[in-house]
Structures are given as structure tokens and as C-alpha cells.
Amino acid sequence: MTAESGRCWLCERPLGVRIEGHHPIPRAKGGRETFPVHPICHRAIHANFSNGQLQRMGNDLTALRGDPAMASFLRWVAGKEPDFHAPTRRRKL
């Protein structure tokens, strides 16, 4: 995981003190590459997508960000501080 840009892979806000590494292709599906994300962004990804869905999307940020639930999350989190935390809601099935 590299954080050279100092920005979250998903929301592009500046990274805070806590940084997690997101595998676009889940480790359970053979993924090795990680990208730096805020903990809240990481939880939002996994709350909205299964490992199979993430594997099919891979590094396609357009598909990930284009999902209606993720687009709503990204609009909501856009103005928050880098270390902002709130409970993550899971998608209703």
C-alpha cells in the first residue's frame, strides 16, 4: 500500500491519521494490490459490494463510484474531515 498522493483512493479526500489498505480485487479472490483509503470509505465499499462484485469491478473506480449507494455516500462524505468516523449502514437486501 502506498499513500504517496496523500489522498484516499475512493473519495480523493486527504488521508488522515488512520489509513487502511483496500484490495480492489479481494484477497480471497487472489488480489494482492492495495490502495490507501479512509476506514469509513473502506467500510462503505464492503457494506455495499460482495467479494464477487468487487472482483468483477477490479480497479474500475468509475463503476464503483457510479453505484447509486456509493455515489450517495461520496456526496455525503465529501466535506468531512479526514479522520471523520460514523457507523456504516449496510445495503438492504
N, C-alpha and C. Protein backbone atom coordinates (compact mmCIF):
# COMPACT_ATOMS: atom_id res chain seq x y z
N MET A 1 0.85 -1.18 0.00
CA MET A 1 0.00 0.00 0.00
C MET A 1 0.89 1.23 0.00
N THR A 2 0.57 2.14 -0.87
CA THR A 2 1.32 3.38 -0.89
C THR A 2 0.35 4.55 -0.73
N ALA A 3 0.77 5.54 0.00
CA ALA A 3 -0.06 6.73 0.22
C ALA A 3 0.68 7.97 -0.25
N GLU A 4 1.48 7.81 -1.32
CA GLU A 4 2.29 8.95 -1.79
C GLU A 4 1.44 10.15 -2.17
N SER A 5 0.26 9.91 -2.74
CA SER A 5 -0.57 11.04 -3.16
C SER A 5 -1.18 11.75 -1.96
N GLY A 6 -1.26 11.04 -0.81
CA GLY A 6 -1.87 11.63 0.37
C GLY A 6 -3.37 11.73 0.27
N ARG A 7 -3.96 11.04 -0.71
CA ARG A 7 -5.40 11.09 -0.94
C ARG A 7 -6.00 9.69 -0.92
N CYS A 8 -7.25 9.62 -0.49
CA CYS A 8 -7.99 8.36 -0.46
C CYS A 8 -8.28 7.90 -1.89
N TRP A 9 -8.07 6.62 -2.13
CA TRP A 9 -8.31 6.02 -3.45
C TRP A 9 -9.76 6.17 -3.87
N LEU A 10 -10.70 6.07 -2.92
CA LEU A 10 -12.12 6.12 -3.26
C LEU A 10 -12.66 7.54 -3.35
N CYS A 11 -12.53 8.30 -2.26
CA CYS A 11 -13.19 9.62 -2.20
C CYS A 11 -12.29 10.78 -2.60
N GLU A 12 -11.00 10.54 -2.65
CA GLU A 12 -9.99 11.54 -3.02
C GLU A 12 -9.83 12.67 -2.01
N ARG A 13 -10.40 12.50 -0.80
CA ARG A 13 -10.15 13.49 0.26
C ARG A 13 -8.75 13.23 0.81
N PRO A 14 -8.13 14.21 1.45
CA PRO A 14 -6.82 13.97 2.08
C PRO A 14 -6.94 12.85 3.11
N LEU A 15 -5.89 12.05 3.21
CA LEU A 15 -5.86 10.98 4.19
C LEU A 15 -5.59 11.55 5.57
N GLY A 16 -6.12 10.88 6.59
CA GLY A 16 -5.92 11.30 7.97
C GLY A 16 -4.88 10.44 8.65
N VAL A 17 -4.99 10.34 9.95
CA VAL A 17 -4.06 9.56 10.76
C VAL A 17 -4.26 8.07 10.50
N ARG A 18 -5.52 7.63 10.48
CA ARG A 18 -5.81 6.21 10.24
C ARG A 18 -6.00 5.97 8.75
N ILE A 19 -5.25 5.02 8.24
CA ILE A 19 -5.30 4.65 6.83
C ILE A 19 -5.41 3.13 6.75
N GLU A 20 -6.30 2.65 5.90
CA GLU A 20 -6.43 1.22 5.67
C GLU A 20 -6.09 0.94 4.22
N GLY A 21 -5.72 -0.30 3.95
CA GLY A 21 -5.42 -0.72 2.59
C GLY A 21 -6.58 -1.51 2.01
N HIS A 22 -7.12 -1.06 0.89
CA HIS A 22 -8.22 -1.75 0.23
C HIS A 22 -7.68 -2.56 -0.94
N HIS A 23 -8.08 -3.82 -1.01
CA HIS A 23 -7.75 -4.68 -2.15
C HIS A 23 -8.90 -4.57 -3.16
N PRO A 24 -8.73 -3.88 -4.29
CA PRO A 24 -9.82 -3.81 -5.28
C PRO A 24 -10.29 -5.19 -5.71
N ILE A 25 -9.35 -6.09 -5.89
CA ILE A 25 -9.69 -7.49 -6.09
C ILE A 25 -9.42 -8.14 -4.73
N PRO A 26 -10.48 -8.63 -4.07
CA PRO A 26 -10.32 -9.16 -2.71
C PRO A 26 -9.23 -10.23 -2.61
N ARG A 27 -8.57 -10.25 -1.47
CA ARG A 27 -7.53 -11.26 -1.23
C ARG A 27 -8.09 -12.65 -1.40
N ALA A 28 -9.32 -12.87 -0.98
CA ALA A 28 -9.96 -14.19 -1.11
C ALA A 28 -10.12 -14.60 -2.57
N LYS A 29 -10.06 -13.63 -3.48
CA LYS A 29 -10.19 -13.89 -4.91
C LYS A 29 -8.85 -13.73 -5.63
N GLY A 30 -7.75 -13.69 -4.87
CA GLY A 30 -6.42 -13.63 -5.46
C GLY A 30 -5.82 -12.25 -5.58
N GLY A 31 -6.47 -11.23 -5.07
CA GLY A 31 -5.95 -9.87 -5.17
C GLY A 31 -4.75 -9.63 -4.27
N ARG A 32 -3.81 -8.86 -4.75
CA ARG A 32 -2.61 -8.54 -3.97
C ARG A 32 -2.41 -7.03 -3.82
N GLU A 33 -2.79 -6.28 -4.83
CA GLU A 33 -2.57 -4.84 -4.84
C GLU A 33 -3.52 -4.16 -3.84
N THR A 34 -2.99 -3.17 -3.10
CA THR A 34 -3.83 -2.41 -2.18
C THR A 34 -3.70 -0.92 -2.47
N PHE A 35 -4.74 -0.20 -2.08
CA PHE A 35 -4.77 1.24 -2.23
C PHE A 35 -5.17 1.86 -0.90
N PRO A 36 -4.61 3.02 -0.54
CA PRO A 36 -4.93 3.67 0.73
C PRO A 36 -6.34 4.27 0.72
N VAL A 37 -7.09 3.98 1.78
CA VAL A 37 -8.44 4.53 1.92
C VAL A 37 -8.69 4.89 3.38
N HIS A 38 -9.64 5.79 3.59
CA HIS A 38 -10.11 6.08 4.95
C HIS A 38 -10.84 4.85 5.47
N PRO A 39 -10.82 4.61 6.77
CA PRO A 39 -11.59 3.49 7.32
C PRO A 39 -13.07 3.56 6.97
N ILE A 40 -13.67 4.76 6.99
CA ILE A 40 -15.09 4.88 6.67
C ILE A 40 -15.36 4.55 5.20
N CYS A 41 -14.44 4.90 4.33
CA CYS A 41 -14.59 4.58 2.91
C CYS A 41 -14.45 3.07 2.70
N HIS A 42 -13.52 2.47 3.40
CA HIS A 42 -13.30 1.02 3.29
C HIS A 42 -14.55 0.28 3.74
N ARG A 43 -15.14 0.71 4.84
CA ARG A 43 -16.34 0.06 5.34
C ARG A 43 -17.52 0.25 4.39
N ALA A 44 -17.62 1.41 3.78
CA ALA A 44 -18.70 1.67 2.82
C ALA A 44 -18.58 0.75 1.61
N ILE A 45 -17.37 0.54 1.13
CA ILE A 45 -17.17 -0.36 -0.01
C ILE A 45 -17.67 -1.76 0.34
N HIS A 46 -17.21 -2.29 1.47
CA HIS A 46 -17.56 -3.67 1.83
C HIS A 46 -19.00 -3.81 2.32
N ALA A 47 -19.63 -2.72 2.72
CA ALA A 47 -21.04 -2.77 3.11
C ALA A 47 -21.94 -2.83 1.88
N ASN A 48 -21.44 -2.38 0.75
CA ASN A 48 -22.26 -2.29 -0.45
C ASN A 48 -21.97 -3.32 -1.53
N PHE A 49 -20.83 -3.99 -1.44
CA PHE A 49 -20.46 -4.94 -2.50
C PHE A 49 -19.96 -6.25 -1.92
N SER A 50 -20.29 -7.33 -2.58
CA SER A 50 -19.77 -8.65 -2.20
C SER A 50 -18.36 -8.79 -2.79
N ASN A 51 -17.63 -9.79 -2.33
CA ASN A 51 -16.29 -10.04 -2.90
C ASN A 51 -16.38 -10.35 -4.38
N GLY A 52 -17.41 -11.07 -4.79
CA GLY A 52 -17.59 -11.38 -6.21
C GLY A 52 -17.79 -10.13 -7.05
N GLN A 53 -18.60 -9.21 -6.54
CA GLN A 53 -18.83 -7.95 -7.26
C GLN A 53 -17.54 -7.15 -7.35
N LEU A 54 -16.80 -7.10 -6.24
CA LEU A 54 -15.53 -6.36 -6.24
C LEU A 54 -14.54 -6.98 -7.20
N GLN A 55 -14.50 -8.30 -7.27
CA GLN A 55 -13.60 -8.97 -8.20
C GLN A 55 -13.94 -8.59 -9.64
N ARG A 56 -15.22 -8.57 -9.97
CA ARG A 56 -15.63 -8.22 -11.35
C ARG A 56 -15.29 -6.77 -11.68
N MET A 57 -15.39 -5.86 -10.70
CA MET A 57 -15.09 -4.45 -10.94
C MET A 57 -13.59 -4.19 -10.96
N GLY A 58 -12.84 -4.92 -10.15
CA GLY A 58 -11.39 -4.73 -10.08
C GLY A 58 -11.04 -3.29 -9.72
N ASN A 59 -10.17 -2.68 -10.51
CA ASN A 59 -9.71 -1.31 -10.26
C ASN A 59 -10.60 -0.26 -10.92
N ASP A 60 -11.79 -0.64 -11.40
CA ASP A 60 -12.67 0.28 -12.12
C ASP A 60 -13.38 1.23 -11.15
N LEU A 61 -12.73 2.33 -10.85
CA LEU A 61 -13.31 3.32 -9.92
C LEU A 61 -14.59 3.92 -10.47
N THR A 62 -14.72 4.04 -11.78
CA THR A 62 -15.93 4.60 -12.37
C THR A 62 -17.13 3.74 -12.02
N ALA A 63 -16.98 2.43 -12.12
CA ALA A 63 -18.08 1.51 -11.78
C ALA A 63 -18.38 1.58 -10.28
N LEU A 64 -17.35 1.60 -9.47
CA LEU A 64 -17.53 1.64 -8.03
C LEU A 64 -18.22 2.93 -7.60
N ARG A 65 -17.72 4.04 -8.08
CA ARG A 65 -18.28 5.35 -7.72
C ARG A 65 -19.65 5.58 -8.35
N GLY A 66 -19.93 4.90 -9.47
CA GLY A 66 -21.19 5.08 -10.18
C GLY A 66 -22.37 4.36 -9.55
N ASP A 67 -22.11 3.42 -8.66
CA ASP A 67 -23.19 2.73 -7.97
C ASP A 67 -23.99 3.76 -7.18
N PRO A 68 -25.33 3.74 -7.26
CA PRO A 68 -26.12 4.77 -6.58
C PRO A 68 -25.84 4.91 -5.08
N ALA A 69 -25.68 3.80 -4.38
CA ALA A 69 -25.40 3.88 -2.94
C ALA A 69 -24.03 4.51 -2.69
N MET A 70 -23.03 4.13 -3.48
CA MET A 70 -21.70 4.70 -3.30
C MET A 70 -21.67 6.17 -3.70
N ALA A 71 -22.39 6.53 -4.76
CA ALA A 71 -22.45 7.94 -5.17
C ALA A 71 -23.05 8.79 -4.06
N SER A 72 -24.10 8.27 -3.42
CA SER A 72 -24.72 8.98 -2.30
C SER A 72 -23.74 9.11 -1.13
N PHE A 73 -23.04 8.03 -0.81
CA PHE A 73 -22.04 8.07 0.26
C PHE A 73 -20.96 9.10 -0.06
N LEU A 74 -20.46 9.10 -1.29
CA LEU A 74 -19.38 10.02 -1.67
C LEU A 74 -19.82 11.48 -1.58
N ARG A 75 -21.06 11.77 -1.95
CA ARG A 75 -21.57 13.14 -1.80
C ARG A 75 -21.63 13.51 -0.32
N TRP A 76 -22.09 12.58 0.51
CA TRP A 76 -22.23 12.83 1.94
C TRP A 76 -20.88 13.04 2.63
N VAL A 77 -19.89 12.24 2.28
CA VAL A 77 -18.60 12.28 2.98
C VAL A 77 -17.68 13.38 2.43
N ALA A 78 -18.01 13.95 1.31
CA ALA A 78 -17.12 14.90 0.62
C ALA A 78 -16.60 16.03 1.49
N GLY A 79 -17.42 16.60 2.33
CA GLY A 79 -16.99 17.74 3.14
C GLY A 79 -16.50 17.40 4.53
N LYS A 80 -16.37 16.12 4.83
CA LYS A 80 -15.98 15.69 6.16
C LYS A 80 -14.46 15.76 6.35
N GLU A 81 -14.05 15.89 7.61
CA GLU A 81 -12.63 15.89 7.96
C GLU A 81 -12.00 14.54 7.62
N PRO A 82 -10.69 14.50 7.37
CA PRO A 82 -10.04 13.23 7.01
C PRO A 82 -10.22 12.11 8.03
N ASP A 83 -10.28 12.41 9.31
CA ASP A 83 -10.42 11.36 10.32
C ASP A 83 -11.86 11.21 10.81
N PHE A 84 -12.82 11.72 10.05
CA PHE A 84 -14.23 11.60 10.41
C PHE A 84 -14.62 10.12 10.47
N HIS A 85 -15.44 9.78 11.48
CA HIS A 85 -15.94 8.41 11.60
C HIS A 85 -17.41 8.44 11.98
N ALA A 86 -18.16 7.53 11.40
CA ALA A 86 -19.58 7.34 11.73
C ALA A 86 -19.92 5.89 11.45
N PRO A 87 -20.97 5.36 12.07
CA PRO A 87 -21.36 3.99 11.78
C PRO A 87 -21.70 3.84 10.30
N THR A 88 -21.37 2.70 9.74
CA THR A 88 -21.63 2.43 8.33
C THR A 88 -22.89 1.59 8.20
N ARG A 89 -23.81 2.06 7.38
CA ARG A 89 -25.03 1.31 7.13
C ARG A 89 -24.80 0.28 6.03
N ARG A 90 -25.35 -0.88 6.23
CA ARG A 90 -25.26 -1.93 5.21
C ARG A 90 -26.41 -1.79 4.24
N ARG A 91 -26.18 -2.18 3.01
CA ARG A 91 -27.21 -2.14 1.97
C ARG A 91 -28.31 -3.12 2.34
N LYS A 92 -29.56 -2.71 2.17
CA LYS A 92 -30.68 -3.60 2.43
C LYS A 92 -30.79 -4.60 1.29
N LEU A 93 -30.91 -5.86 1.65
CA LEU A 93 -31.02 -6.91 0.63
C LEU A 93 -32.45 -7.25 0.32
